[in-house]
Amino acid sequence: MFGGFGLYVDDVFVAIITGDDLYLKTDEQTLANFTAAGGTQFCFTSRGKVQATRFWSAPAEAMDSPALMRPWAQLAFEAGLRARVKPKKKQRA
């Protein structure tokens, strides 16, 4: 689909790697953090159209520091948890 690799933590989709770049999952609750930090959105072209995703880069300084990356990875994990499809409740007959 996007020509990269998907990263999962305990069956939760949290990031993609494409080329040398890491993009973390965002949602409505976390997107502002990534944009405020100067992140860039991952987009790819499919069938001649640019497709924007909910994956954004973390700050450059976080890429070289596990301690600085941890809060960004946590935000991605939380966004991934919220994105999981919740099972529908069975209706009683």
N, C-alpha and C. Protein backbone atom coordinates (compact mmCIF):
# COMPACT_ATOMS: atom_id res chain seq x y z
N MET A 1 0.83 -1.19 0.00
CA MET A 1 0.00 0.00 0.00
C MET A 1 0.87 1.25 0.00
N PHE A 2 1.75 1.40 0.99
CA PHE A 2 2.53 2.62 1.09
C PHE A 2 4.02 2.38 0.87
N GLY A 3 4.42 1.15 0.61
CA GLY A 3 5.81 0.85 0.32
C GLY A 3 6.72 0.88 1.53
N GLY A 4 6.20 0.52 2.69
CA GLY A 4 7.03 0.55 3.90
C GLY A 4 6.70 -0.63 4.79
N PHE A 5 7.01 -0.46 6.06
CA PHE A 5 6.77 -1.49 7.06
C PHE A 5 5.86 -0.94 8.15
N GLY A 6 4.94 -1.74 8.63
CA GLY A 6 4.09 -1.36 9.74
C GLY A 6 4.69 -1.88 11.04
N LEU A 7 4.64 -1.07 12.09
CA LEU A 7 5.13 -1.48 13.40
C LEU A 7 3.96 -1.63 14.35
N TYR A 8 3.97 -2.73 15.09
CA TYR A 8 2.91 -3.04 16.03
C TYR A 8 3.50 -3.22 17.42
N VAL A 9 2.74 -2.85 18.43
CA VAL A 9 3.06 -3.13 19.82
C VAL A 9 1.85 -3.87 20.38
N ASP A 10 2.05 -5.12 20.77
CA ASP A 10 0.94 -5.92 21.31
C ASP A 10 -0.30 -5.86 20.42
N ASP A 11 -0.12 -6.09 19.14
CA ASP A 11 -1.21 -6.09 18.16
C ASP A 11 -1.85 -4.72 17.94
N VAL A 12 -1.20 -3.66 18.34
CA VAL A 12 -1.69 -2.30 18.12
C VAL A 12 -0.78 -1.65 17.08
N PHE A 13 -1.36 -1.21 15.96
CA PHE A 13 -0.60 -0.57 14.88
C PHE A 13 -0.20 0.83 15.34
N VAL A 14 1.11 1.10 15.47
CA VAL A 14 1.56 2.36 16.04
C VAL A 14 2.44 3.20 15.13
N ALA A 15 3.05 2.60 14.11
CA ALA A 15 3.99 3.38 13.30
C ALA A 15 4.24 2.70 11.97
N ILE A 16 4.81 3.48 11.05
CA ILE A 16 5.29 2.93 9.80
C ILE A 16 6.72 3.43 9.58
N ILE A 17 7.48 2.61 8.88
CA ILE A 17 8.81 3.00 8.45
C ILE A 17 8.81 2.92 6.94
N THR A 18 9.22 4.00 6.32
CA THR A 18 9.35 4.02 4.88
C THR A 18 10.69 4.69 4.56
N GLY A 19 11.51 3.98 3.82
CA GLY A 19 12.87 4.47 3.60
C GLY A 19 13.58 4.57 4.94
N ASP A 20 14.12 5.74 5.24
CA ASP A 20 14.80 5.98 6.51
C ASP A 20 13.93 6.74 7.50
N ASP A 21 12.64 6.86 7.20
CA ASP A 21 11.76 7.71 8.00
C ASP A 21 10.77 6.90 8.84
N LEU A 22 10.55 7.38 10.06
CA LEU A 22 9.59 6.80 10.99
C LEU A 22 8.43 7.76 11.15
N TYR A 23 7.22 7.24 11.02
CA TYR A 23 6.01 8.05 11.22
C TYR A 23 5.14 7.36 12.26
N LEU A 24 4.67 8.11 13.22
CA LEU A 24 3.88 7.58 14.32
C LEU A 24 2.40 7.87 14.12
N LYS A 25 1.56 6.97 14.60
CA LYS A 25 0.11 7.11 14.46
C LYS A 25 -0.40 8.28 15.29
N THR A 26 -1.31 9.04 14.71
CA THR A 26 -1.96 10.14 15.41
C THR A 26 -3.48 9.98 15.31
N ASP A 27 -4.18 10.77 16.07
CA ASP A 27 -5.63 10.86 15.97
C ASP A 27 -6.03 12.27 16.41
N GLU A 28 -7.32 12.49 16.57
CA GLU A 28 -7.80 13.82 16.93
C GLU A 28 -7.21 14.32 18.25
N GLN A 29 -6.93 13.39 19.15
CA GLN A 29 -6.41 13.77 20.47
C GLN A 29 -4.91 14.03 20.48
N THR A 30 -4.17 13.52 19.50
CA THR A 30 -2.71 13.65 19.53
C THR A 30 -2.13 14.48 18.40
N LEU A 31 -2.89 14.73 17.37
CA LEU A 31 -2.37 15.42 16.19
C LEU A 31 -1.76 16.77 16.52
N ALA A 32 -2.37 17.54 17.38
CA ALA A 32 -1.85 18.87 17.71
C ALA A 32 -0.45 18.80 18.29
N ASN A 33 -0.15 17.76 19.06
CA ASN A 33 1.20 17.60 19.62
C ASN A 33 2.24 17.48 18.51
N PHE A 34 1.92 16.68 17.49
CA PHE A 34 2.86 16.45 16.41
C PHE A 34 3.02 17.68 15.52
N THR A 35 1.94 18.35 15.24
CA THR A 35 2.05 19.56 14.40
C THR A 35 2.77 20.67 15.14
N ALA A 36 2.50 20.83 16.43
CA ALA A 36 3.18 21.86 17.23
C ALA A 36 4.68 21.61 17.31
N ALA A 37 5.07 20.34 17.26
CA ALA A 37 6.49 19.98 17.34
C ALA A 37 7.17 20.05 15.97
N GLY A 38 6.43 20.44 14.94
CA GLY A 38 7.01 20.58 13.61
C GLY A 38 7.06 19.29 12.82
N GLY A 39 6.23 18.31 13.20
CA GLY A 39 6.21 17.04 12.49
C GLY A 39 5.72 17.19 11.06
N THR A 40 6.04 16.19 10.25
CA THR A 40 5.57 16.16 8.87
C THR A 40 4.66 14.96 8.69
N GLN A 41 3.64 15.15 7.90
CA GLN A 41 2.66 14.09 7.66
C GLN A 41 3.16 13.15 6.57
N PHE A 42 2.91 11.86 6.77
CA PHE A 42 3.25 10.88 5.74
C PHE A 42 2.13 10.84 4.72
N CYS A 43 2.51 11.05 3.47
CA CYS A 43 1.58 10.97 2.34
C CYS A 43 2.20 10.05 1.29
N PHE A 44 1.37 9.39 0.52
CA PHE A 44 1.86 8.56 -0.56
C PHE A 44 0.92 8.71 -1.74
N THR A 45 1.38 8.31 -2.91
CA THR A 45 0.58 8.42 -4.12
C THR A 45 0.06 7.04 -4.50
N SER A 46 -1.24 6.96 -4.72
CA SER A 46 -1.88 5.73 -5.15
C SER A 46 -2.84 6.05 -6.28
N ARG A 47 -2.68 5.36 -7.37
CA ARG A 47 -3.53 5.56 -8.54
C ARG A 47 -3.55 7.02 -8.97
N GLY A 48 -2.39 7.64 -8.88
CA GLY A 48 -2.25 9.02 -9.33
C GLY A 48 -2.75 10.08 -8.37
N LYS A 49 -3.22 9.67 -7.18
CA LYS A 49 -3.73 10.62 -6.20
C LYS A 49 -2.88 10.56 -4.94
N VAL A 50 -2.62 11.74 -4.37
CA VAL A 50 -1.88 11.80 -3.12
C VAL A 50 -2.83 11.43 -1.98
N GLN A 51 -2.39 10.48 -1.17
CA GLN A 51 -3.17 9.99 -0.04
C GLN A 51 -2.51 10.47 1.25
N ALA A 52 -3.19 11.28 2.03
CA ALA A 52 -2.69 11.72 3.33
C ALA A 52 -3.05 10.67 4.37
N THR A 53 -2.19 10.49 5.35
CA THR A 53 -2.43 9.50 6.38
C THR A 53 -2.49 10.17 7.75
N ARG A 54 -2.74 9.38 8.76
CA ARG A 54 -2.75 9.86 10.15
C ARG A 54 -1.40 9.56 10.82
N PHE A 55 -0.36 9.44 10.04
CA PHE A 55 0.97 9.17 10.56
C PHE A 55 1.84 10.41 10.37
N TRP A 56 2.50 10.78 11.47
CA TRP A 56 3.33 12.00 11.47
C TRP A 56 4.68 11.68 12.08
N SER A 57 5.68 12.48 11.68
CA SER A 57 7.02 12.30 12.25
C SER A 57 7.10 12.93 13.63
N ALA A 58 7.97 12.35 14.45
CA ALA A 58 8.28 12.92 15.76
C ALA A 58 9.37 13.99 15.56
N PRO A 59 9.62 14.80 16.58
CA PRO A 59 10.70 15.78 16.46
C PRO A 59 12.05 15.10 16.17
N ALA A 60 12.89 15.77 15.42
CA ALA A 60 14.19 15.20 15.02
C ALA A 60 15.02 14.77 16.22
N GLU A 61 15.02 15.56 17.29
CA GLU A 61 15.84 15.22 18.45
C GLU A 61 15.37 13.93 19.13
N ALA A 62 14.12 13.56 18.95
CA ALA A 62 13.61 12.32 19.54
C ALA A 62 14.13 11.09 18.80
N MET A 63 14.55 11.27 17.57
CA MET A 63 15.03 10.13 16.79
C MET A 63 16.34 9.56 17.32
N ASP A 64 17.09 10.34 18.08
CA ASP A 64 18.38 9.88 18.59
C ASP A 64 18.37 9.63 20.09
N SER A 65 17.20 9.71 20.70
CA SER A 65 17.14 9.59 22.15
C SER A 65 15.93 8.76 22.58
N PRO A 66 16.16 7.57 23.13
CA PRO A 66 15.02 6.78 23.62
C PRO A 66 14.18 7.55 24.65
N ALA A 67 14.82 8.32 25.49
CA ALA A 67 14.08 9.07 26.51
C ALA A 67 13.18 10.13 25.88
N LEU A 68 13.66 10.78 24.83
CA LEU A 68 12.84 11.80 24.15
C LEU A 68 11.79 11.17 23.24
N MET A 69 12.05 9.96 22.75
CA MET A 69 11.08 9.29 21.87
C MET A 69 9.93 8.69 22.66
N ARG A 70 10.17 8.30 23.88
CA ARG A 70 9.15 7.59 24.67
C ARG A 70 7.80 8.30 24.71
N PRO A 71 7.73 9.61 25.00
CA PRO A 71 6.40 10.24 25.04
C PRO A 71 5.70 10.24 23.68
N TRP A 72 6.47 10.34 22.60
CA TRP A 72 5.87 10.32 21.26
C TRP A 72 5.36 8.92 20.93
N ALA A 73 6.13 7.91 21.29
CA ALA A 73 5.70 6.53 21.08
C ALA A 73 4.45 6.23 21.91
N GLN A 74 4.39 6.77 23.11
CA GLN A 74 3.22 6.57 23.98
C GLN A 74 1.98 7.19 23.34
N LEU A 75 2.13 8.39 22.77
CA LEU A 75 0.99 9.03 22.08
C LEU A 75 0.53 8.17 20.91
N ALA A 76 1.48 7.61 20.17
CA ALA A 76 1.13 6.75 19.03
C ALA A 76 0.41 5.49 19.50
N PHE A 77 0.88 4.90 20.58
CA PHE A 77 0.25 3.71 21.11
C PHE A 77 -1.19 4.01 21.56
N GLU A 78 -1.37 5.12 22.24
CA GLU A 78 -2.71 5.50 22.70
C GLU A 78 -3.64 5.76 21.50
N ALA A 79 -3.13 6.41 20.46
CA ALA A 79 -3.94 6.63 19.25
C ALA A 79 -4.29 5.30 18.61
N GLY A 80 -3.34 4.38 18.58
CA GLY A 80 -3.59 3.05 18.02
C GLY A 80 -4.65 2.29 18.79
N LEU A 81 -4.61 2.40 20.11
CA LEU A 81 -5.63 1.75 20.93
C LEU A 81 -7.01 2.31 20.62
N ARG A 82 -7.10 3.63 20.52
CA ARG A 82 -8.40 4.25 20.25
C ARG A 82 -8.93 3.89 18.86
N ALA A 83 -8.02 3.61 17.93
CA ALA A 83 -8.42 3.30 16.55
C ALA A 83 -8.92 1.88 16.37
N ARG A 84 -8.65 1.03 17.34
CA ARG A 84 -9.09 -0.35 17.22
C ARG A 84 -10.61 -0.40 17.13
N VAL A 85 -11.09 -1.27 16.29
CA VAL A 85 -12.53 -1.44 16.14
C VAL A 85 -13.05 -2.20 17.34
N LYS A 86 -14.02 -1.63 17.99
CA LYS A 86 -14.62 -2.29 19.14
C LYS A 86 -15.66 -3.29 18.65
N PRO A 87 -15.67 -4.47 19.23
CA PRO A 87 -16.66 -5.46 18.80
C PRO A 87 -18.08 -4.98 19.10
N LYS A 88 -18.95 -5.29 18.17
CA LYS A 88 -20.36 -4.93 18.36
C LYS A 88 -20.99 -5.85 19.38
N LYS A 89 -21.88 -5.29 20.19
CA LYS A 89 -22.59 -6.11 21.15
C LYS A 89 -23.63 -6.95 20.42
N LYS A 90 -23.78 -8.16 20.87
CA LYS A 90 -24.78 -9.04 20.28
C LYS A 90 -26.16 -8.54 20.70
N GLN A 91 -27.02 -8.51 19.72
CA GLN A 91 -28.39 -8.09 20.02
C GLN A 91 -29.19 -9.28 20.50
N ARG A 92 -30.02 -9.03 21.49
CA ARG A 92 -30.87 -10.10 22.00
C ARG A 92 -32.09 -10.27 21.11
N ALA A 93 -32.49 -11.52 20.97
CA ALA A 93 -33.64 -11.82 20.12
C ALA A 93 -34.94 -11.58 20.83
